[in-house]
Amino acid sequence: MASTDLQSIPVATSQHDQLVNITDEVAGTIPPGFNGMCFVFCQHTTAGLTINENADPDVVHDLLLELKRLVPWRNPGFLHGEGNSAAHLKSSLVGTDVAIPVEHGRLALGTWQGIYFCEFDGPRQRRVLVRLLANGK
């Protein structure tokens, strides 16, 4: 299997907790007619990646609301000196990578699916890495 060069996509966040739809940016890295896999990776320990609904913004709201409930920012038991343990935990829960099949130059996402960068310690300037792996012939 052949792969493309590693590509970097900048992501600017403007809120402490935020989901940024990066589907179009990731799709923009795919050449016409490409068939294979698209791997997207977040190099940050206080952020992550997920695939979820991109049609109703209430879904993003609900995801962030529940993550805040599950992992509150302030917890007297946290020891990490930087004070952002909650962001590290949320990153671990969500994960830092996604893999999407690509057919004929298009991400094979479902009708309502989008790729989200998940910010848990913003606002910040971030980036994700994209690698395409072509089907072998």
N, C-alpha and C. Protein backbone atom coordinates (compact mmCIF):
# COMPACT_ATOMS: atom_id res chain seq x y z
N MET A 1 0.84 -1.19 0.00
CA MET A 1 0.00 0.00 0.00
C MET A 1 0.88 1.24 0.00
N ALA A 2 0.53 2.18 -0.82
CA ALA A 2 1.26 3.44 -0.90
C ALA A 2 0.55 4.48 -0.05
N SER A 3 1.33 5.41 0.52
CA SER A 3 0.73 6.48 1.31
C SER A 3 1.16 7.83 0.78
N THR A 4 0.41 8.84 1.13
CA THR A 4 0.73 10.21 0.75
C THR A 4 1.60 10.82 1.83
N ASP A 5 2.14 12.00 1.55
CA ASP A 5 2.89 12.73 2.55
C ASP A 5 1.97 13.11 3.70
N LEU A 6 2.52 13.20 4.89
CA LEU A 6 1.78 13.64 6.06
C LEU A 6 1.39 15.09 5.87
N GLN A 7 0.11 15.39 6.07
CA GLN A 7 -0.39 16.75 5.90
C GLN A 7 -0.86 17.29 7.24
N SER A 8 -0.72 18.59 7.43
CA SER A 8 -1.10 19.25 8.67
C SER A 8 -2.25 20.22 8.41
N ILE A 9 -3.25 20.18 9.27
CA ILE A 9 -4.39 21.10 9.18
C ILE A 9 -4.43 21.93 10.45
N PRO A 10 -4.33 23.27 10.35
CA PRO A 10 -4.44 24.11 11.55
C PRO A 10 -5.90 24.19 12.01
N VAL A 11 -6.07 24.24 13.33
CA VAL A 11 -7.39 24.38 13.91
C VAL A 11 -7.30 25.44 15.01
N ALA A 12 -8.03 26.53 14.84
CA ALA A 12 -8.09 27.59 15.84
C ALA A 12 -9.37 27.42 16.65
N THR A 13 -9.22 27.37 17.98
CA THR A 13 -10.40 27.29 18.82
C THR A 13 -10.59 28.61 19.56
N SER A 14 -11.83 28.92 19.89
CA SER A 14 -12.14 30.20 20.52
C SER A 14 -12.82 30.05 21.87
N GLN A 15 -13.04 28.81 22.30
CA GLN A 15 -13.72 28.56 23.57
C GLN A 15 -12.95 27.53 24.38
N HIS A 16 -13.25 27.48 25.66
CA HIS A 16 -12.58 26.52 26.54
C HIS A 16 -12.89 25.09 26.13
N ASP A 17 -14.17 24.78 25.96
CA ASP A 17 -14.63 23.48 25.47
C ASP A 17 -15.37 23.73 24.16
N GLN A 18 -14.95 23.08 23.10
CA GLN A 18 -15.52 23.37 21.78
C GLN A 18 -15.31 22.19 20.85
N LEU A 19 -16.31 21.92 20.02
CA LEU A 19 -16.17 20.96 18.94
C LEU A 19 -16.16 21.73 17.63
N VAL A 20 -15.12 21.55 16.83
CA VAL A 20 -14.95 22.25 15.56
C VAL A 20 -15.06 21.23 14.44
N ASN A 21 -16.01 21.44 13.54
CA ASN A 21 -16.19 20.54 12.40
C ASN A 21 -15.06 20.77 11.41
N ILE A 22 -14.23 19.75 11.21
CA ILE A 22 -13.07 19.86 10.31
C ILE A 22 -13.24 18.94 9.09
N THR A 23 -14.45 18.49 8.84
CA THR A 23 -14.70 17.56 7.74
C THR A 23 -14.23 18.11 6.41
N ASP A 24 -14.58 19.35 6.10
CA ASP A 24 -14.20 19.94 4.81
C ASP A 24 -12.68 20.06 4.66
N GLU A 25 -12.02 20.43 5.76
CA GLU A 25 -10.56 20.57 5.70
C GLU A 25 -9.89 19.22 5.45
N VAL A 26 -10.39 18.18 6.13
CA VAL A 26 -9.84 16.84 5.91
C VAL A 26 -10.13 16.38 4.49
N ALA A 27 -11.35 16.58 4.03
CA ALA A 27 -11.73 16.19 2.66
C ALA A 27 -10.86 16.90 1.63
N GLY A 28 -10.45 18.12 1.94
CA GLY A 28 -9.61 18.88 1.02
C GLY A 28 -8.21 18.31 0.82
N THR A 29 -7.82 17.37 1.66
CA THR A 29 -6.50 16.75 1.51
C THR A 29 -6.53 15.55 0.57
N ILE A 30 -7.71 15.15 0.13
CA ILE A 30 -7.86 13.92 -0.65
C ILE A 30 -7.85 14.22 -2.14
N PRO A 31 -6.94 13.60 -2.90
CA PRO A 31 -6.91 13.84 -4.34
C PRO A 31 -8.09 13.18 -5.05
N PRO A 32 -8.51 13.74 -6.19
CA PRO A 32 -9.61 13.13 -6.95
C PRO A 32 -9.29 11.68 -7.30
N GLY A 33 -10.29 10.84 -7.18
CA GLY A 33 -10.14 9.44 -7.56
C GLY A 33 -9.41 8.56 -6.55
N PHE A 34 -8.97 9.13 -5.46
CA PHE A 34 -8.23 8.36 -4.46
C PHE A 34 -9.12 7.31 -3.81
N ASN A 35 -8.59 6.11 -3.61
CA ASN A 35 -9.26 5.03 -2.89
C ASN A 35 -8.32 4.51 -1.82
N GLY A 36 -8.82 4.39 -0.59
CA GLY A 36 -7.99 3.89 0.50
C GLY A 36 -8.55 4.30 1.83
N MET A 37 -7.64 4.69 2.72
CA MET A 37 -8.01 5.09 4.08
C MET A 37 -7.44 6.46 4.39
N CYS A 38 -8.19 7.20 5.17
CA CYS A 38 -7.76 8.51 5.67
C CYS A 38 -7.63 8.41 7.18
N PHE A 39 -6.43 8.67 7.67
CA PHE A 39 -6.16 8.64 9.11
C PHE A 39 -5.94 10.07 9.59
N VAL A 40 -6.66 10.47 10.62
CA VAL A 40 -6.54 11.81 11.18
C VAL A 40 -6.11 11.66 12.63
N PHE A 41 -5.07 12.42 13.02
CA PHE A 41 -4.48 12.28 14.35
C PHE A 41 -4.30 13.64 15.00
N CYS A 42 -4.64 13.71 16.28
CA CYS A 42 -4.47 14.92 17.09
C CYS A 42 -3.24 14.75 17.97
N GLN A 43 -2.29 15.68 17.88
CA GLN A 43 -1.04 15.59 18.65
C GLN A 43 -1.12 16.27 20.02
N HIS A 44 -2.30 16.53 20.49
CA HIS A 44 -2.46 17.30 21.73
C HIS A 44 -3.06 16.43 22.84
N THR A 45 -2.56 16.59 24.05
CA THR A 45 -3.03 15.78 25.17
C THR A 45 -4.27 16.34 25.86
N THR A 46 -4.70 17.53 25.44
CA THR A 46 -5.91 18.12 26.03
C THR A 46 -6.96 18.39 24.95
N ALA A 47 -6.90 17.62 23.89
CA ALA A 47 -7.86 17.74 22.79
C ALA A 47 -8.05 16.35 22.20
N GLY A 48 -8.99 16.22 21.28
CA GLY A 48 -9.24 14.92 20.68
C GLY A 48 -9.95 15.03 19.36
N LEU A 49 -10.39 13.89 18.86
CA LEU A 49 -11.13 13.81 17.59
C LEU A 49 -12.29 12.84 17.75
N THR A 50 -13.39 13.14 17.09
CA THR A 50 -14.52 12.22 17.07
C THR A 50 -15.30 12.40 15.78
N ILE A 51 -16.09 11.39 15.47
CA ILE A 51 -17.03 11.47 14.35
C ILE A 51 -18.42 11.41 14.95
N ASN A 52 -19.25 12.40 14.58
CA ASN A 52 -20.61 12.42 15.10
C ASN A 52 -21.49 13.23 14.17
N GLU A 53 -22.74 13.41 14.60
CA GLU A 53 -23.72 14.10 13.75
C GLU A 53 -23.31 15.53 13.46
N ASN A 54 -23.47 15.92 12.19
CA ASN A 54 -23.11 17.29 11.79
C ASN A 54 -24.30 18.10 11.30
N ALA A 55 -25.52 17.58 11.47
CA ALA A 55 -26.71 18.29 10.97
C ALA A 55 -27.36 19.17 12.04
N ASP A 56 -27.45 18.69 13.26
CA ASP A 56 -28.14 19.39 14.33
C ASP A 56 -27.12 19.87 15.36
N PRO A 57 -26.93 21.19 15.50
CA PRO A 57 -25.93 21.70 16.46
C PRO A 57 -26.24 21.34 17.91
N ASP A 58 -27.48 20.94 18.19
CA ASP A 58 -27.81 20.52 19.55
C ASP A 58 -27.02 19.29 19.96
N VAL A 59 -26.63 18.44 19.00
CA VAL A 59 -25.84 17.26 19.33
C VAL A 59 -24.49 17.68 19.90
N VAL A 60 -23.84 18.66 19.28
CA VAL A 60 -22.56 19.16 19.79
C VAL A 60 -22.75 19.72 21.19
N HIS A 61 -23.78 20.51 21.38
CA HIS A 61 -24.09 21.07 22.70
C HIS A 61 -24.25 19.96 23.73
N ASP A 62 -25.03 18.94 23.38
CA ASP A 62 -25.31 17.85 24.31
C ASP A 62 -24.05 17.04 24.65
N LEU A 63 -23.20 16.81 23.65
CA LEU A 63 -21.94 16.09 23.89
C LEU A 63 -21.06 16.86 24.88
N LEU A 64 -20.90 18.16 24.64
CA LEU A 64 -20.07 18.97 25.54
C LEU A 64 -20.68 19.05 26.93
N LEU A 65 -21.99 19.19 27.01
CA LEU A 65 -22.68 19.27 28.30
C LEU A 65 -22.43 18.00 29.12
N GLU A 66 -22.57 16.85 28.49
CA GLU A 66 -22.41 15.59 29.22
C GLU A 66 -20.95 15.33 29.59
N LEU A 67 -20.02 15.70 28.71
CA LEU A 67 -18.60 15.56 29.07
C LEU A 67 -18.25 16.45 30.27
N LYS A 68 -18.83 17.66 30.31
CA LYS A 68 -18.59 18.55 31.46
C LYS A 68 -19.17 17.95 32.74
N ARG A 69 -20.33 17.29 32.63
CA ARG A 69 -20.93 16.66 33.80
C ARG A 69 -20.09 15.47 34.26
N LEU A 70 -19.66 14.64 33.31
CA LEU A 70 -18.87 13.46 33.66
C LEU A 70 -17.51 13.81 34.24
N VAL A 71 -16.89 14.85 33.69
CA VAL A 71 -15.54 15.25 34.11
C VAL A 71 -15.55 16.75 34.38
N PRO A 72 -15.98 17.15 35.58
CA PRO A 72 -16.00 18.58 35.91
C PRO A 72 -14.59 19.17 35.95
N TRP A 73 -14.47 20.44 35.59
CA TRP A 73 -13.17 21.10 35.52
C TRP A 73 -12.49 21.11 36.89
N ARG A 74 -13.23 21.38 37.92
CA ARG A 74 -12.68 21.44 39.27
C ARG A 74 -13.02 20.15 40.01
N ASN A 75 -11.99 19.49 40.47
CA ASN A 75 -12.15 18.28 41.28
C ASN A 75 -11.05 18.33 42.33
N PRO A 76 -11.41 18.39 43.60
CA PRO A 76 -10.38 18.53 44.64
C PRO A 76 -9.38 17.37 44.68
N GLY A 77 -9.71 16.26 44.06
CA GLY A 77 -8.79 15.13 44.04
C GLY A 77 -7.74 15.19 42.95
N PHE A 78 -7.92 16.06 41.95
CA PHE A 78 -6.94 16.18 40.88
C PHE A 78 -5.60 16.68 41.43
N LEU A 79 -4.51 16.13 40.96
CA LEU A 79 -3.18 16.51 41.43
C LEU A 79 -2.35 17.27 40.40
N HIS A 80 -2.68 17.15 39.11
CA HIS A 80 -1.85 17.74 38.05
C HIS A 80 -1.66 19.24 38.29
N GLY A 81 -0.41 19.67 38.33
CA GLY A 81 -0.07 21.04 38.69
C GLY A 81 -0.58 22.11 37.74
N GLU A 82 -0.80 21.78 36.47
CA GLU A 82 -1.27 22.78 35.51
C GLU A 82 -2.75 23.08 35.67
N GLY A 83 -3.47 22.25 36.43
CA GLY A 83 -4.89 22.51 36.67
C GLY A 83 -5.82 22.15 35.54
N ASN A 84 -5.34 21.36 34.58
CA ASN A 84 -6.19 20.99 33.45
C ASN A 84 -6.39 19.47 33.34
N SER A 85 -6.44 18.81 34.48
CA SER A 85 -6.64 17.35 34.48
C SER A 85 -7.91 16.95 33.75
N ALA A 86 -8.97 17.74 33.90
CA ALA A 86 -10.23 17.43 33.23
C ALA A 86 -10.04 17.35 31.71
N ALA A 87 -9.23 18.24 31.16
CA ALA A 87 -8.99 18.23 29.71
C ALA A 87 -8.24 16.96 29.30
N HIS A 88 -7.30 16.53 30.10
CA HIS A 88 -6.57 15.30 29.80
C HIS A 88 -7.50 14.09 29.85
N LEU A 89 -8.38 14.05 30.83
CA LEU A 89 -9.33 12.95 30.95
C LEU A 89 -10.29 12.91 29.77
N LYS A 90 -10.81 14.08 29.38
CA LYS A 90 -11.74 14.14 28.24
C LYS A 90 -11.05 13.70 26.96
N SER A 91 -9.79 14.10 26.77
CA SER A 91 -9.03 13.67 25.60
C SER A 91 -8.92 12.15 25.56
N SER A 92 -8.64 11.55 26.71
CA SER A 92 -8.53 10.10 26.77
C SER A 92 -9.87 9.42 26.50
N LEU A 93 -10.94 9.99 27.00
CA LEU A 93 -12.28 9.42 26.78
C LEU A 93 -12.69 9.47 25.31
N VAL A 94 -12.43 10.60 24.68
CA VAL A 94 -12.85 10.80 23.28
C VAL A 94 -11.89 10.10 22.33
N GLY A 95 -10.60 10.17 22.60
CA GLY A 95 -9.60 9.59 21.72
C GLY A 95 -8.94 10.65 20.86
N THR A 96 -7.82 10.29 20.27
CA THR A 96 -7.03 11.26 19.51
C THR A 96 -6.90 10.94 18.03
N ASP A 97 -7.67 9.94 17.54
CA ASP A 97 -7.56 9.62 16.12
C ASP A 97 -8.87 9.07 15.59
N VAL A 98 -9.04 9.23 14.29
CA VAL A 98 -10.16 8.62 13.56
C VAL A 98 -9.63 8.08 12.25
N ALA A 99 -10.28 7.05 11.73
CA ALA A 99 -9.93 6.46 10.44
C ALA A 99 -11.20 6.38 9.61
N ILE A 100 -11.12 6.86 8.37
CA ILE A 100 -12.29 6.91 7.49
C ILE A 100 -11.93 6.31 6.14
N PRO A 101 -12.72 5.35 5.65
CA PRO A 101 -12.49 4.85 4.29
C PRO A 101 -12.72 5.97 3.27
N VAL A 102 -12.00 5.89 2.16
CA VAL A 102 -12.14 6.86 1.08
C VAL A 102 -12.42 6.09 -0.21
N GLU A 103 -13.47 6.49 -0.92
CA GLU A 103 -13.83 5.88 -2.20
C GLU A 103 -13.97 6.97 -3.25
N HIS A 104 -13.27 6.83 -4.36
CA HIS A 104 -13.36 7.77 -5.49
C HIS A 104 -13.15 9.22 -5.03
N GLY A 105 -12.17 9.43 -4.14
CA GLY A 105 -11.81 10.77 -3.71
C GLY A 105 -12.72 11.38 -2.67
N ARG A 106 -13.64 10.58 -2.09
CA ARG A 106 -14.58 11.13 -1.10
C ARG A 106 -14.55 10.32 0.19
N LEU A 107 -14.61 11.03 1.30
CA LEU A 107 -14.72 10.35 2.59
C LEU A 107 -16.01 9.55 2.63
N ALA A 108 -15.93 8.30 3.06
CA ALA A 108 -17.12 7.43 3.11
C ALA A 108 -17.83 7.58 4.45
N LEU A 109 -18.15 8.83 4.79
CA LEU A 109 -18.90 9.11 6.00
C LEU A 109 -20.38 8.90 5.75
N GLY A 110 -21.12 8.61 6.81
CA GLY A 110 -22.57 8.50 6.71
C GLY A 110 -23.20 9.86 6.44
N THR A 111 -24.44 9.85 6.05
CA THR A 111 -25.16 11.06 5.66
C THR A 111 -25.04 12.18 6.68
N TRP A 112 -25.14 11.87 7.96
CA TRP A 112 -25.15 12.90 8.99
C TRP A 112 -23.85 12.98 9.77
N GLN A 113 -22.80 12.32 9.29
CA GLN A 113 -21.54 12.30 10.04
C GLN A 113 -20.58 13.41 9.63
N GLY A 114 -19.88 13.92 10.62
CA GLY A 114 -18.81 14.88 10.40
C GLY A 114 -17.65 14.56 11.32
N ILE A 115 -16.47 15.06 10.98
CA ILE A 115 -15.27 14.88 11.79
C ILE A 115 -15.10 16.13 12.65
N TYR A 116 -14.99 15.91 13.95
CA TYR A 116 -14.87 17.03 14.88
C TYR A 116 -13.55 17.02 15.62
N PHE A 117 -12.91 18.20 15.66
CA PHE A 117 -11.80 18.44 16.57
C PHE A 117 -12.43 18.84 17.90
N CYS A 118 -12.01 18.19 18.97
CA CYS A 118 -12.59 18.41 20.29
C CYS A 118 -11.60 19.17 21.17
N GLU A 119 -11.89 20.42 21.43
CA GLU A 119 -11.05 21.25 22.29
C GLU A 119 -11.54 21.15 23.72
N PHE A 120 -10.62 20.88 24.66
CA PHE A 120 -10.99 20.77 26.07
C PHE A 120 -10.17 21.70 26.96
N ASP A 121 -9.29 22.52 26.38
CA ASP A 121 -8.44 23.42 27.17
C ASP A 121 -8.09 24.66 26.36
N GLY A 122 -9.09 25.24 25.75
CA GLY A 122 -8.86 26.37 24.87
C GLY A 122 -9.13 27.70 25.54
N PRO A 123 -9.12 28.73 24.71
CA PRO A 123 -8.85 28.72 23.26
C PRO A 123 -7.35 28.55 22.98
N ARG A 124 -7.10 27.93 21.83
CA ARG A 124 -5.72 27.66 21.42
C ARG A 124 -5.61 27.57 19.90
N GLN A 125 -4.36 27.59 19.45
CA GLN A 125 -4.04 27.26 18.07
C GLN A 125 -3.58 25.81 18.06
N ARG A 126 -4.27 24.96 17.32
CA ARG A 126 -3.98 23.53 17.31
C ARG A 126 -3.70 23.07 15.88
N ARG A 127 -3.44 21.78 15.74
CA ARG A 127 -3.32 21.20 14.41
C ARG A 127 -3.62 19.71 14.50
N VAL A 128 -4.06 19.19 13.38
CA VAL A 128 -4.24 17.74 13.25
C VAL A 128 -3.42 17.29 12.06
N LEU A 129 -3.03 16.03 12.09
CA LEU A 129 -2.26 15.45 11.01
C LEU A 129 -3.13 14.48 10.23
N VAL A 130 -2.94 14.46 8.90
CA VAL A 130 -3.71 13.58 8.03
C VAL A 130 -2.73 12.77 7.19
N ARG A 131 -2.97 11.47 7.13
CA ARG A 131 -2.20 10.56 6.28
C ARG A 131 -3.19 9.74 5.48
N LEU A 132 -2.98 9.68 4.17
CA LEU A 132 -3.80 8.86 3.28
C LEU A 132 -3.03 7.61 2.92
N LEU A 133 -3.70 6.48 3.00
CA LEU A 133 -3.08 5.21 2.65
C LEU A 133 -3.90 4.60 1.52
N ALA A 134 -3.27 4.46 0.36
CA ALA A 134 -3.97 3.99 -0.85
C ALA A 134 -4.15 2.49 -0.82
N ASN A 135 -5.25 2.04 -1.42
CA ASN A 135 -5.46 0.60 -1.62
C ASN A 135 -4.38 0.05 -2.51
N GLY A 136 -3.88 -1.12 -2.18
CA GLY A 136 -2.88 -1.78 -3.02
C GLY A 136 -3.55 -2.45 -4.22
N LYS A 137 -2.88 -2.51 -5.32
CA LYS A 137 -3.43 -3.14 -6.53
C LYS A 137 -2.70 -4.43 -6.81
